[in-house]
Protein backbone atom coordinates (compact mmCIF):
# COMPACT_ATOMS: atom_id res chain seq x y z
CA MET A 1 -78.13 85.49 13.97
CA ASN A 2 -78.87 89.22 13.84
CA ASP A 3 -77.84 90.20 17.34
CA ALA A 4 -77.39 93.95 16.90
CA PRO A 5 -78.97 96.11 19.66
CA GLN A 6 -82.63 96.65 18.91
CA PRO A 7 -85.00 99.33 20.32
CA HIS A 8 -87.08 98.27 23.25
CA ARG A 9 -90.63 97.43 22.21
CA VAL A 10 -93.51 95.39 23.52
CA ARG A 11 -93.75 92.24 21.54
CA ASP A 12 -97.07 90.93 20.26
CA LEU A 13 -97.90 87.32 20.95
CA LEU A 14 -97.96 85.63 17.54
CA THR A 15 -99.44 82.16 16.95
CA SER A 16 -99.26 80.33 13.65
CA TYR A 17 -101.90 77.73 12.86
CA PHE A 18 -100.56 75.43 10.09
CA TRP A 19 -101.25 72.21 8.30
CA SER A 20 -99.34 69.19 9.62
CA GLY A 21 -100.46 66.34 7.46
CA ASP A 22 -104.25 66.44 7.61
CA VAL A 23 -104.49 68.33 10.90
CA ILE A 24 -104.01 71.89 11.98
CA ARG A 25 -101.30 72.42 14.60
CA SER A 26 -100.35 75.64 16.46
CA ARG A 27 -96.87 77.03 17.12
CA SER A 28 -95.11 80.18 18.11
CA VAL A 29 -93.82 82.53 15.48
CA SER A 30 -90.07 83.01 15.73
CA ASP A 31 -88.65 86.57 15.94
CA ILE A 32 -85.19 85.23 14.97
CA ALA A 33 -83.62 86.09 11.67
CA LEU A 34 -80.53 84.04 10.79
CA THR A 35 -78.44 85.95 8.34
CA GLY A 36 -74.99 85.77 6.72
CA THR A 37 -73.13 86.45 3.47
CA VAL A 38 -71.96 83.59 1.35
CA ASP A 39 -69.56 83.68 -1.54
CA VAL A 40 -71.45 83.23 -4.82
CA PRO A 41 -70.35 84.10 -8.34
CA MET A 42 -72.05 86.87 -10.23
CA PRO A 43 -74.68 85.38 -12.62
CA PRO A 44 -73.43 85.39 -16.21
CA ALA A 45 -74.33 88.32 -18.49
CA ARG A 46 -76.68 86.34 -20.76
CA LEU A 47 -78.61 85.11 -17.72
CA LEU A 48 -78.92 88.61 -16.28
CA ALA A 49 -80.10 89.81 -19.75
CA ASP A 50 -82.68 86.94 -19.85
CA TRP A 51 -83.96 87.93 -16.38
CA GLU A 52 -84.38 91.51 -17.49
CA ARG A 53 -86.36 90.45 -20.53
CA GLU A 54 -88.57 88.16 -18.45
CA ILE A 55 -89.30 90.90 -15.91
CA ALA A 56 -89.98 93.57 -18.60
CA SER A 57 -92.06 91.44 -20.90
CA ARG A 58 -93.95 88.95 -18.76
CA LEU A 59 -93.83 89.91 -15.14
CA VAL A 60 -94.11 93.73 -15.53
CA LEU A 61 -93.25 94.17 -11.88
CA GLU A 62 -94.92 97.03 -10.15
CA PRO A 63 -93.51 98.54 -6.97
CA GLY A 64 -94.00 96.01 -4.12
CA ASP A 65 -94.60 92.97 -6.35
CA VAL A 66 -93.00 89.63 -5.66
CA GLU A 67 -93.28 87.08 -8.46
CA VAL A 68 -92.00 83.66 -9.43
CA MET A 69 -89.35 83.43 -12.20
CA PRO A 70 -88.73 80.36 -14.45
CA LEU A 71 -85.99 78.41 -12.68
CA ALA A 72 -85.70 75.60 -15.19
CA ARG A 73 -84.91 78.03 -18.03
CA ALA A 74 -82.42 79.85 -15.87
CA LEU A 75 -80.48 76.66 -15.10
CA VAL A 76 -79.63 76.30 -18.83
CA ARG A 77 -77.76 79.61 -18.62
CA TRP A 78 -76.43 79.29 -15.07
CA PRO A 79 -73.39 77.01 -14.85
CA ASP A 80 -72.58 78.19 -11.35
CA TYR A 81 -76.02 77.41 -9.90
CA LYS A 82 -74.67 74.31 -8.07
CA LEU A 83 -71.96 76.44 -6.53
CA CYS A 84 -74.62 78.80 -5.18
CA VAL A 85 -76.64 75.97 -3.74
CA GLN A 86 -73.55 74.46 -2.16
CA ALA A 87 -72.58 77.80 -0.58
CA VAL A 88 -75.97 78.06 1.10
CA SER A 89 -75.91 74.35 2.05
CA ASP A 90 -72.55 74.86 3.75
CA TRP A 91 -73.84 77.95 5.57
CA THR A 92 -76.98 76.10 6.79
CA CYS A 93 -74.80 73.20 7.98
CA GLU A 94 -72.77 75.71 10.04
CA LEU A 95 -76.01 76.77 11.64
CA GLY A 96 -76.84 73.24 12.68
CA LEU A 97 -79.17 72.49 9.80
CA PRO A 98 -77.59 69.51 8.06
CA ASP A 99 -78.94 68.47 4.63
CA VAL A 100 -82.14 70.55 5.07
CA LEU A 101 -81.83 72.16 1.63
CA ALA A 102 -81.66 68.88 -0.24
CA SER A 103 -85.12 67.97 0.85
CA SER A 104 -86.72 71.41 0.45
CA ASP A 105 -88.54 72.88 -2.48
CA VAL A 106 -86.72 75.79 -4.21
CA ALA A 107 -88.01 78.58 -6.35
CA LEU A 108 -86.48 81.57 -8.22
CA MET A 109 -88.18 84.85 -7.37
CA ALA A 110 -88.03 88.50 -8.40
CA CYS A 111 -89.26 91.52 -6.49
CA ARG A 112 -89.36 95.29 -7.03
CA GLY A 113 -89.25 95.98 -3.34
CA ALA A 114 -91.90 94.16 -1.39
CA ARG A 115 -94.90 95.45 0.50
CA TYR A 116 -95.02 94.28 4.07
CA HIS A 117 -96.70 90.96 4.40
CA HIS A 118 -96.50 87.56 6.08
CA ASP A 119 -96.65 84.14 4.43
CA GLY A 120 -98.14 82.20 7.33
CA ALA A 121 -101.52 81.83 5.51
CA GLN A 122 -99.85 79.80 2.74
CA TYR A 123 -96.57 78.54 4.20
CA GLY A 124 -97.33 78.25 7.89
CA GLY A 125 -95.49 74.91 8.03
CA ALA A 126 -92.26 76.39 6.67
CA ALA A 127 -89.43 78.77 7.28
CA PHE A 128 -87.94 80.60 4.26
CA CYS A 129 -84.24 80.42 3.36
CA ASN A 130 -83.45 83.14 0.79
CA LEU A 131 -80.28 83.73 -1.17
CA PHE A 132 -80.12 87.10 -2.92
CA MET A 133 -78.36 87.12 -6.27
CA SER A 134 -78.57 90.82 -7.20
CA GLU A 135 -75.99 93.48 -6.43
CA ASP A 136 -76.52 96.05 -3.68
CA LYS A 137 -79.27 98.40 -4.88
CA GLY A 138 -79.84 100.26 -1.67
CA LEU A 139 -82.58 97.97 -0.36
CA ASP A 140 -83.10 96.29 3.02
CA LEU A 141 -85.10 93.26 4.09
CA HIS A 142 -87.00 94.78 7.05
CA PHE A 143 -88.79 93.02 9.89
CA PRO A 144 -90.86 95.77 11.47
CA SER A 145 -92.01 93.83 14.56
CA THR A 146 -88.40 93.24 15.63
CA GLY A 147 -86.60 96.15 14.03
CA TYR A 148 -84.14 93.92 12.09
CA ARG A 149 -82.89 95.40 8.84
CA ILE A 150 -80.71 93.27 6.56
CA PRO A 151 -78.89 95.02 3.65
CA LEU A 152 -79.45 93.06 0.48
CA THR A 153 -76.31 92.35 -1.54
CA ARG A 154 -75.27 89.45 -3.77
CA GLY A 155 -74.75 86.54 -1.42
CA THR A 156 -76.97 87.70 1.36
CA ALA A 157 -78.58 84.64 2.94
CA VAL A 158 -81.49 84.78 5.41
CA ILE A 159 -83.61 82.24 7.22
CA PHE A 160 -86.77 83.49 8.93
CA ASP A 161 -90.21 82.39 10.04
CA THR A 162 -92.95 82.78 7.34
CA GLY A 163 -95.32 84.14 9.97
CA GLN A 164 -93.17 87.08 10.72
CA PRO A 165 -94.13 90.31 8.88
CA HIS A 166 -91.39 91.46 6.45
CA GLY A 167 -90.87 93.72 3.46
CA VAL A 168 -88.16 94.95 1.14
CA ILE A 169 -87.82 98.75 1.45
CA GLN A 170 -85.35 101.45 0.56
CA ARG A 171 -82.41 101.75 2.90
CA GLY A 172 -83.02 104.61 5.28
CA SER A 173 -86.79 104.47 4.83
CA THR A 174 -89.13 103.76 7.72
CA GLY A 175 -91.73 101.92 5.62
CA PHE A 176 -92.74 100.83 2.17
CA ASN A 177 -93.32 103.77 -0.24
CA VAL A 178 -94.22 103.28 -3.88
CA ALA A 179 -92.35 106.54 -4.76
CA ASP A 180 -89.13 104.86 -3.64
CA PHE A 181 -89.35 102.53 -6.66
CA GLY A 182 -89.74 104.82 -9.67
CA PRO A 183 -89.77 103.55 -13.18
CA ASP A 184 -86.26 104.85 -13.91
CA GLN A 185 -84.70 103.16 -10.83
CA ASP A 186 -82.95 99.84 -10.94
CA CYS A 187 -84.36 98.27 -7.81
CA THR A 188 -85.23 94.71 -8.80
CA GLN A 189 -83.88 91.92 -6.63
CA ILE A 190 -83.56 88.31 -7.82
CA PHE A 191 -83.35 85.57 -5.15
CA LEU A 192 -83.62 81.86 -4.62
CA THR A 193 -85.95 80.70 -1.87
CA TRP A 194 -86.19 77.35 -0.16
CA GLU A 195 -89.19 76.20 2.00
CA LEU A 196 -87.64 74.64 5.10
CA PRO A 197 -90.01 72.35 7.03
CA ILE A 198 -90.68 74.12 10.36
CA GLU A 199 -91.34 70.69 11.96
CA ASP A 200 -87.82 69.55 11.12
CA ALA A 201 -86.13 69.26 14.55
CA HIS A 202 -83.13 71.28 13.50
CA VAL A 203 -85.15 74.02 11.91
CA GLY A 204 -87.51 74.31 14.89
CA LYS A 205 -84.55 74.46 17.30
CA ALA A 206 -82.60 77.04 15.32
CA LEU A 207 -85.60 79.37 15.26
CA GLU A 208 -86.68 78.45 18.87
CA VAL A 209 -90.18 77.51 17.75
CA THR A 210 -92.61 76.02 20.35
CA PHE A 211 -95.32 73.70 19.03
CA ASP A 212 -98.85 73.00 20.13
CA ILE A 213 -99.27 76.14 22.17
CA ASP A 214 -103.03 76.44 21.51
CA ARG A 215 -104.57 73.06 20.77
CA SER A 216 -108.11 74.22 21.54
CA ILE A 217 -108.17 76.80 18.76
CA SER A 218 -106.26 74.66 16.23
CA LEU A 219 -108.95 72.03 16.51
CA GLN A 220 -111.57 74.60 15.39
CA LEU A 221 -109.73 75.78 12.26
CA ASP A 222 -109.69 74.50 8.67
CA GLU A 223 -107.08 76.83 7.12
CA GLU A 224 -103.64 78.24 7.89
CA GLN A 225 -103.53 81.61 9.54
CA VAL A 226 -101.65 83.83 12.01
CA TRP A 227 -103.22 85.21 15.18
CA VAL A 228 -101.93 88.22 17.16
CA ASN A 229 -102.66 88.44 20.88
CA GLY A 230 -105.49 85.89 20.60
CA ALA A 231 -107.19 87.13 17.44
CA ARG A 232 -106.73 86.85 13.74
CA ALA A 233 -104.89 89.79 12.24
CA ILE A 234 -103.56 91.24 8.98
CA VAL A 235 -100.40 93.25 8.12
CA CYS A 236 -100.56 96.83 6.95
CA PRO A 237 -98.71 96.70 3.60
CA ASP A 238 -97.12 100.14 4.05
CA SER A 239 -96.01 100.17 7.72
CA GLY A 240 -95.82 96.42 8.53
CA GLN A 241 -97.84 96.83 11.65
CA TRP A 242 -100.49 94.28 12.66
CA ARG A 243 -104.18 95.25 12.31
CA PRO A 244 -107.22 93.37 13.52
CA VAL A 245 -109.36 91.65 10.84
CA ASP A 246 -112.63 93.54 10.41
């Protein structure tokens, strides 16, 4: 867990409304970020070259973009993939999350930094577990509501609540700035991400999530969303601060 001293701040009350089967449930949004560094081999040169071609020719990542990469194709050129998964699995087991990866969906992603956002409107029923495969390029995963900053290096592993605002920004920066990701800069990060079910007892306990905190509102909703201090809100992509929905 990231337990470094954080500046004092007044915390907003965040509520995630998420699909549980065919009903909407409510829950708290965790401000915990579980992080560690696992030992994973460097991806082979031909896989790195394939990723570079994919990003340049098909994705054409702009600053702040986060896009899906073809995992099935990568596996053909990635003999150590299972070692990477095993390393994360061992780490999650140490955190009290046994076998959670095996039953979770996984995707391969690429980002050129990331504008601040939350994923509670699409993945409110999940926590993300990310394993970063790129070398240190001077970027941090930043959670502006809590102040957590996690330096991204190969082997960085993070579990966090999808409803918590986050972004990938230049180390030392106070927010997301397009100018920090110029065309001549090598600032692309490749990472694996798993969707951990938030209703799993181990996941909910590790992130200290409380369920069914606002049944009356959840009964009125028909889509996933995050509310802040009793009202629906959006995240400013540059600062990561919450703003009311107009």
